Amino acid sequence: MANLFYEEDRNKDFLQACEAVRKEEGTRLTVSGIASKAIYKKAGSFYIHYRVYMKIISNNGNNLPKNEISRQLHTEVLKRAKEIMQQNNYTPAQAAKILSEQQAPRFYISEARAISLYYKLLGK
């Protein structure tokens, strides 16, 4: 995936999700277990730039990324964009604006990256 536009926001939100998992699970989980569960928590956004939303919408499902996590992100954004445009008769630009203000169903990072990131955010 291209450089993350909202990396600082994503990291802060991901750390909060990890802390929520840690509180829910108590001491039963390791750091890697916490991070692996946290990626499936709701995320504050998709953490991508408006231009990326527009590119995903204009590609209309063509040339999806080879990376599975990136492909899932693109598929979710496109699905939501189509729903927004059909329900409200909005343009792609209007749909992209709405999407940029919505939460994402999860953090679109791999488990390995999540574990590494959580350790980094903990300062270990």
Protein backbone atom coordinates (compact mmCIF):
# COMPACT_ATOMS: atom_id res chain seq x y z
CA MET A 1 0.00 0.00 0.00
CA ALA A 2 1.17 3.53 -0.63
CA ASN A 3 2.56 5.58 2.22
CA LEU A 4 -0.02 5.95 4.90
CA PHE A 5 -1.41 9.47 4.90
CA TYR A 6 -2.76 9.40 8.44
CA GLU A 7 -0.13 7.20 10.08
CA GLU A 8 -0.04 9.12 13.37
CA ASP A 9 -3.84 8.96 13.69
CA ARG A 10 -3.87 5.28 12.80
CA ASN A 11 -1.15 4.50 15.35
CA LYS A 12 -2.97 6.37 18.12
CA ASP A 13 -6.26 4.63 17.30
CA PHE A 14 -4.56 1.24 17.01
CA LEU A 15 -2.92 1.66 20.41
CA GLN A 16 -6.35 2.49 21.88
CA ALA A 17 -7.80 -0.64 20.25
CA CYS A 18 -4.96 -2.72 21.70
CA GLU A 19 -5.58 -1.27 25.14
CA ALA A 20 -9.30 -2.05 24.82
CA VAL A 21 -8.47 -5.68 23.94
CA ARG A 22 -6.02 -5.88 26.84
CA LYS A 23 -8.71 -4.65 29.26
CA GLU A 24 -11.32 -7.03 27.85
CA GLU A 25 -9.06 -10.07 27.92
CA GLY A 26 -7.08 -9.35 31.09
CA THR A 27 -3.74 -11.09 31.36
CA ARG A 28 -4.73 -14.07 29.26
CA LEU A 29 -3.23 -12.65 26.05
CA THR A 30 0.33 -11.97 25.04
CA VAL A 31 1.31 -8.74 23.31
CA SER A 32 1.07 -10.51 19.96
CA GLY A 33 -2.35 -11.90 20.89
CA ILE A 34 -3.59 -8.44 21.81
CA ALA A 35 -2.34 -6.93 18.54
CA SER A 36 -3.81 -9.78 16.50
CA LYS A 37 -7.26 -9.18 18.01
CA ALA A 38 -7.03 -5.39 17.86
CA ILE A 39 -6.85 -5.29 14.05
CA TYR A 40 -10.43 -6.53 13.97
CA LYS A 41 -11.73 -3.66 16.12
CA LYS A 42 -13.48 -0.74 14.42
CA ALA A 43 -11.00 1.84 13.17
CA GLY A 44 -11.47 5.60 13.22
CA SER A 45 -11.18 5.75 9.43
CA PHE A 46 -9.53 4.00 6.51
CA TYR A 47 -6.52 6.33 7.04
CA ILE A 48 -6.10 7.09 3.36
CA HIS A 49 -6.04 10.37 1.46
CA TYR A 50 -9.01 11.68 -0.49
CA ARG A 51 -7.09 11.07 -3.75
CA VAL A 52 -6.80 7.39 -2.86
CA TYR A 53 -10.56 7.15 -2.33
CA MET A 54 -11.04 8.73 -5.74
CA LYS A 55 -8.57 6.33 -7.36
CA ILE A 56 -10.27 3.30 -5.80
CA ILE A 57 -13.69 4.51 -6.93
CA SER A 58 -12.54 5.36 -10.46
CA ASN A 59 -10.82 1.97 -10.85
CA ASN A 60 -14.19 0.33 -10.08
CA GLY A 61 -12.64 -2.94 -8.93
CA ASN A 62 -10.10 -3.17 -11.73
CA ASN A 63 -6.41 -3.60 -10.90
CA LEU A 64 -6.98 -4.56 -7.27
CA PRO A 65 -3.79 -4.80 -5.21
CA LYS A 66 -2.11 -8.18 -4.94
CA ASN A 67 -1.70 -7.76 -1.18
CA GLU A 68 -4.72 -9.38 0.49
CA ILE A 69 -5.15 -6.72 3.20
CA SER A 70 -4.92 -3.88 0.67
CA ARG A 71 -7.38 -5.71 -1.58
CA GLN A 72 -9.83 -6.00 1.33
CA LEU A 73 -9.53 -2.26 1.99
CA HIS A 74 -10.13 -1.42 -1.68
CA THR A 75 -13.09 -3.79 -1.86
CA GLU A 76 -14.72 -2.31 1.26
CA VAL A 77 -14.20 1.28 0.08
CA LEU A 78 -15.61 0.49 -3.36
CA LYS A 79 -18.61 -1.35 -1.90
CA ARG A 80 -19.43 1.57 0.37
CA ALA A 81 -18.88 4.12 -2.40
CA LYS A 82 -21.29 2.28 -4.70
CA GLU A 83 -23.92 2.15 -1.95
CA ILE A 84 -23.54 5.87 -1.23
CA MET A 85 -23.74 6.81 -4.90
CA GLN A 86 -26.77 4.60 -5.58
CA GLN A 87 -28.75 5.55 -2.49
CA ASN A 88 -28.17 9.29 -2.76
CA ASN A 89 -27.41 9.82 -6.44
CA TYR A 90 -24.03 11.26 -5.42
CA THR A 91 -20.97 11.74 -7.59
CA PRO A 92 -17.76 9.79 -6.90
CA ALA A 93 -16.27 12.94 -5.37
CA GLN A 94 -19.18 13.29 -2.97
CA ALA A 95 -18.95 9.61 -2.05
CA ALA A 96 -15.20 9.95 -1.44
CA LYS A 97 -15.82 12.89 0.89
CA ILE A 98 -18.38 10.91 2.88
CA LEU A 99 -16.10 7.87 3.03
CA SER A 100 -13.23 9.97 4.33
CA GLU A 101 -15.39 10.82 7.35
CA GLN A 102 -16.56 7.26 8.09
CA GLN A 103 -15.16 4.63 10.41
CA ALA A 104 -13.63 1.50 8.94
CA PRO A 105 -14.80 -1.94 10.07
CA ARG A 106 -11.23 -2.88 11.05
CA PHE A 107 -7.60 -1.84 10.85
CA TYR A 108 -6.31 -2.85 7.44
CA ILE A 109 -2.90 -4.10 8.55
CA SER A 110 -1.59 -7.65 8.67
CA GLU A 111 -1.21 -9.54 11.92
CA ALA A 112 2.58 -9.49 11.58
CA ARG A 113 2.60 -5.72 11.03
CA ALA A 114 0.14 -5.24 13.90
CA ILE A 115 2.38 -7.12 16.31
CA SER A 116 5.45 -5.17 15.21
CA LEU A 117 3.56 -1.89 15.44
CA TYR A 118 2.19 -2.63 18.90
CA TYR A 119 5.68 -3.41 20.20
CA LYS A 120 6.92 -0.16 18.64
CA LEU A 121 4.08 1.85 20.17
CA LEU A 122 4.76 0.30 23.56
CA GLY A 123 8.37 1.38 23.22
CA LYS A 124 9.77 -2.14 23.39
